[in-house]
N, C-alpha and C. Protein backbone atom coordinates (compact mmCIF):
# COMPACT_ATOMS: atom_id res chain seq x y z
N MET A 1 1.06 -0.81 0.03
CA MET A 1 -0.31 0.24 -0.27
C MET A 1 1.02 1.17 -0.43
N THR A 2 0.34 2.28 -0.62
CA THR A 2 1.10 3.61 -0.78
C THR A 2 0.99 4.11 0.05
N ARG A 3 1.39 5.06 0.66
CA ARG A 3 1.73 6.10 1.95
C ARG A 3 1.31 6.97 1.51
N ARG A 4 0.56 8.07 2.23
CA ARG A 4 -0.47 8.85 2.35
C ARG A 4 0.72 10.47 2.38
N ILE A 5 0.87 11.25 1.79
CA ILE A 5 1.20 12.47 2.09
C ILE A 5 0.20 13.62 1.91
N SER A 6 0.51 14.06 3.32
CA SER A 6 -0.66 15.87 3.82
C SER A 6 0.13 16.93 3.10
N PHE A 7 -0.46 17.54 2.51
CA PHE A 7 0.28 19.04 1.96
C PHE A 7 -0.98 19.73 1.84
N SER A 8 -0.84 21.17 1.39
CA SER A 8 -1.60 22.41 1.37
C SER A 8 -1.64 22.97 -0.01
N PHE A 9 -3.20 23.13 -0.87
CA PHE A 9 -3.48 24.27 -1.68
C PHE A 9 -3.87 25.31 -1.81
N ASN A 10 -3.16 26.59 -1.75
CA ASN A 10 -3.99 27.69 -1.56
C ASN A 10 -4.76 28.31 0.17
N GLY A 11 -4.07 27.41 0.89
CA GLY A 11 -4.50 27.68 2.17
C GLY A 11 -5.56 25.99 2.57
N LYS A 12 -5.72 24.88 1.90
CA LYS A 12 -6.58 24.39 2.22
C LYS A 12 -6.01 22.77 1.93
N PRO A 13 -6.29 21.81 3.16
CA PRO A 13 -5.66 21.21 3.19
C PRO A 13 -6.02 19.65 2.22
N PHE A 14 -4.69 19.18 1.80
CA PHE A 14 -5.15 17.96 0.97
C PHE A 14 -4.15 16.56 0.75
N SER A 15 -4.51 15.29 0.31
CA SER A 15 -3.48 14.28 0.73
C SER A 15 -3.07 13.70 -0.91
N GLY A 16 -2.39 13.27 -0.99
CA GLY A 16 -2.20 12.52 -1.78
C GLY A 16 -1.04 11.19 -1.89
N GLU A 17 -0.71 10.34 -2.75
CA GLU A 17 -0.09 9.22 -3.10
C GLU A 17 1.56 9.25 -3.04
N GLU A 18 1.82 8.65 -2.18
CA GLU A 18 3.35 8.96 -2.49
C GLU A 18 4.05 8.45 -3.51
N GLY A 19 4.73 10.25 -4.31
CA GLY A 19 5.40 9.45 -5.57
C GLY A 19 4.58 10.29 -6.61
N GLN A 20 2.81 10.70 -6.10
CA GLN A 20 2.62 11.57 -7.27
C GLN A 20 3.22 12.97 -7.38
N SER A 21 2.65 13.13 -8.78
CA SER A 21 3.22 15.00 -8.85
C SER A 21 2.54 15.52 -8.24
N ILE A 22 2.67 16.77 -7.82
CA ILE A 22 1.72 18.04 -7.62
C ILE A 22 0.07 17.78 -8.43
N ALA A 23 0.52 17.83 -10.09
CA ALA A 23 -0.92 18.20 -10.22
C ALA A 23 -1.76 16.67 -10.52
N ALA A 24 -1.10 15.65 -10.29
CA ALA A 24 -1.94 14.60 -10.59
C ALA A 24 -2.43 14.53 -8.88
N ALA A 25 -2.15 14.76 -7.97
CA ALA A 25 -2.61 14.92 -6.55
C ALA A 25 -3.81 15.78 -6.56
N LEU A 26 -3.23 17.06 -7.30
CA LEU A 26 -4.67 17.80 -7.01
C LEU A 26 -5.43 17.41 -8.27
N LEU A 27 -5.27 16.94 -9.07
CA LEU A 27 -6.40 16.65 -10.17
C LEU A 27 -7.43 15.41 -9.61
N ASN A 28 -6.50 14.71 -8.75
CA ASN A 28 -7.39 13.25 -8.41
C ASN A 28 -8.08 13.72 -7.19
N SER A 29 -8.07 14.76 -6.35
CA SER A 29 -8.52 15.64 -5.52
C SER A 29 -9.65 16.96 -6.04
N GLY A 30 -10.13 16.42 -7.39
CA GLY A 30 -11.41 17.24 -7.68
C GLY A 30 -10.97 18.99 -8.07
N VAL A 31 -9.77 19.13 -7.50
CA VAL A 31 -9.12 20.49 -8.25
C VAL A 31 -8.72 20.65 -9.79
N THR A 32 -9.19 21.46 -10.36
CA THR A 32 -8.95 21.50 -12.13
C THR A 32 -8.59 22.79 -12.42
N GLU A 33 -8.54 23.98 -11.27
CA GLU A 33 -7.65 25.36 -11.61
C GLU A 33 -6.66 24.89 -10.94
N LEU A 34 -5.15 25.73 -11.24
CA LEU A 34 -4.06 25.56 -10.75
C LEU A 34 -3.13 27.12 -10.34
N ARG A 35 -3.93 27.58 -11.72
CA ARG A 35 -3.87 29.08 -11.63
C ARG A 35 -4.61 30.03 -12.50
N LYS A 36 -4.43 31.08 -12.72
CA LYS A 36 -5.03 31.88 -13.79
C LYS A 36 -4.03 32.65 -14.57
N THR A 37 -5.02 33.24 -15.84
CA THR A 37 -3.75 33.62 -17.10
C THR A 37 -3.60 35.32 -15.91
N ARG A 38 -2.33 36.06 -16.38
CA ARG A 38 -2.40 37.19 -16.11
C ARG A 38 -3.20 38.43 -16.68
N PHE A 39 -2.94 38.17 -17.51
CA PHE A 39 -4.15 39.17 -18.20
C PHE A 39 -5.52 38.81 -17.99
N GLU A 40 -6.10 37.88 -18.46
CA GLU A 40 -6.97 38.00 -18.76
C GLU A 40 -8.52 37.18 -17.60
N GLY A 41 -7.21 36.34 -16.48
CA GLY A 41 -7.61 35.90 -15.72
C GLY A 41 -8.30 34.11 -15.92
N GLU A 42 -8.40 33.51 -17.29
CA GLU A 42 -8.96 33.09 -17.41
C GLU A 42 -7.85 31.21 -16.46
N PRO A 43 -8.82 30.33 -16.46
CA PRO A 43 -8.39 29.66 -15.06
C PRO A 43 -7.10 28.41 -16.06
N ARG A 44 -6.42 27.96 -15.67
CA ARG A 44 -5.03 27.23 -16.57
C ARG A 44 -5.33 25.79 -15.38
N THR A 45 -4.63 24.70 -15.89
CA THR A 45 -4.97 23.53 -15.63
C THR A 45 -3.85 22.71 -15.98
N ILE A 46 -3.34 21.38 -15.67
CA ILE A 46 -2.24 20.99 -16.03
C ILE A 46 -2.71 20.47 -17.66
N PHE A 47 -1.70 20.62 -18.79
CA PHE A 47 -2.01 20.60 -20.02
C PHE A 47 -1.64 19.25 -20.59
N CYS A 48 0.13 19.83 -21.06
CA CYS A 48 0.50 18.62 -21.67
C CYS A 48 1.21 17.46 -20.63
N GLY A 49 1.36 17.52 -19.46
CA GLY A 49 1.73 17.00 -18.10
C GLY A 49 3.24 16.40 -18.13
N ILE A 50 3.94 16.80 -19.22
CA ILE A 50 5.80 16.71 -19.04
C ILE A 50 6.39 17.86 -19.08
N GLY A 51 6.17 19.04 -18.48
CA GLY A 51 6.47 20.20 -17.89
C GLY A 51 7.98 21.04 -19.65
N ILE A 52 6.80 20.84 -20.29
CA ILE A 52 7.31 21.35 -21.53
C ILE A 52 6.27 22.96 -21.98
N CYS A 53 4.54 22.88 -21.06
CA CYS A 53 3.71 24.10 -21.65
C CYS A 53 3.63 25.08 -20.27
N PHE A 54 4.50 24.84 -19.41
CA PHE A 54 4.45 25.50 -18.45
C PHE A 54 2.58 26.21 -17.56
N ASP A 55 2.02 25.42 -17.98
CA ASP A 55 0.50 25.90 -18.07
C ASP A 55 0.14 25.34 -16.10
N CYS A 56 0.87 24.57 -15.95
CA CYS A 56 1.00 24.48 -14.61
C CYS A 56 1.51 24.80 -13.60
N VAL A 57 1.92 26.14 -13.31
CA VAL A 57 2.95 26.29 -12.48
C VAL A 57 2.75 26.91 -11.46
N VAL A 58 3.03 26.44 -9.90
CA VAL A 58 2.63 26.76 -8.94
C VAL A 58 3.99 27.44 -8.20
N THR A 59 3.42 28.13 -7.13
CA THR A 59 4.68 28.16 -5.99
C THR A 59 4.41 27.11 -5.05
N VAL A 60 5.38 26.63 -4.61
CA VAL A 60 5.89 25.41 -3.69
C VAL A 60 6.74 25.71 -2.32
N ASN A 61 6.20 26.12 -1.60
CA ASN A 61 7.24 26.28 -0.38
C ASN A 61 8.00 27.76 -0.42
N ASN A 62 6.90 28.87 -1.13
CA ASN A 62 7.82 30.16 -1.41
C ASN A 62 8.73 30.25 -2.79
N VAL A 63 8.79 28.98 -3.43
CA VAL A 63 9.36 29.11 -4.11
C VAL A 63 8.47 29.25 -5.81
N ALA A 64 8.94 30.24 -6.60
CA ALA A 64 7.73 30.29 -7.53
C ALA A 64 8.44 29.71 -8.95
N ASN A 65 7.52 29.78 -9.93
CA ASN A 65 7.25 29.11 -11.33
C ASN A 65 7.99 27.22 -11.21
N GLN A 66 6.94 26.64 -10.34
CA GLN A 66 7.07 25.28 -10.28
C GLN A 66 6.38 24.78 -10.89
N ARG A 67 6.94 23.46 -11.87
CA ARG A 67 5.84 23.24 -12.52
C ARG A 67 5.42 21.61 -12.09
N SER A 68 3.93 21.97 -11.85
CA SER A 68 3.13 21.06 -11.07
C SER A 68 3.56 19.82 -11.47
N CYS A 69 3.71 19.21 -12.82
CA CYS A 69 3.75 17.97 -13.24
C CYS A 69 4.95 17.35 -13.18
N LEU A 70 6.05 18.00 -13.11
CA LEU A 70 7.04 17.53 -12.74
C LEU A 70 7.17 17.42 -11.12
N ILE A 71 6.82 17.73 -10.44
CA ILE A 71 7.31 18.15 -8.94
C ILE A 71 6.26 16.96 -7.92
N GLU A 72 7.61 16.11 -7.37
CA GLU A 72 6.23 14.86 -6.72
C GLU A 72 5.91 15.85 -5.53
N ILE A 73 4.71 15.44 -5.06
CA ILE A 73 4.10 16.28 -3.27
C ILE A 73 5.41 15.84 -2.52
N SER A 74 5.25 16.37 -1.44
CA SER A 74 6.10 16.11 -0.38
C SER A 74 5.61 16.70 0.95
N GLU A 75 5.41 16.12 1.84
CA GLU A 75 4.78 16.21 3.23
C GLU A 75 5.12 17.11 4.13
N GLY A 76 3.62 18.60 3.72
CA GLY A 76 3.71 19.12 4.03
C GLY A 76 4.07 20.48 3.61
N ALA A 77 4.21 20.03 1.94
CA ALA A 77 4.52 21.47 1.46
C ALA A 77 3.00 22.27 1.53
N GLU A 78 3.72 23.31 1.31
CA GLU A 78 2.70 24.68 1.20
C GLU A 78 2.72 24.71 -0.68
N ILE A 79 1.72 24.81 -1.17
CA ILE A 79 1.60 25.20 -2.52
C ILE A 79 0.58 26.41 -2.84
N VAL A 80 0.91 27.37 -3.37
CA VAL A 80 -0.36 27.94 -3.60
C VAL A 80 -0.36 28.64 -5.33
N SER A 81 -1.58 28.63 -5.88
CA SER A 81 -1.56 29.36 -6.56
C SER A 81 -0.47 31.02 -7.62
N GLN A 82 -0.39 30.53 -8.41
CA GLN A 82 0.35 31.51 -8.85
C GLN A 82 -0.19 32.51 -10.46
N GLN A 83 -0.31 33.96 -10.01
CA GLN A 83 -0.84 34.61 -11.38
C GLN A 83 -0.12 35.81 -11.81
């Protein structure tokens, strides 16, 4: 059985399976909006899933521009949407 990892996204508690990417853990929890576009405020989510498009960038533990499809969730991580 896979170990559960607790983390937060925009101040709300979430959990996922050890080894999951941030994007996968959030999508699996029903979160479909990871950020909004800068000028039009359009919702963005995971698009390519392999780190090429940068649509899924978030701030992880105060480090901006992290591609959530490439970074594994970690215990206690604080993840926030990026504008």
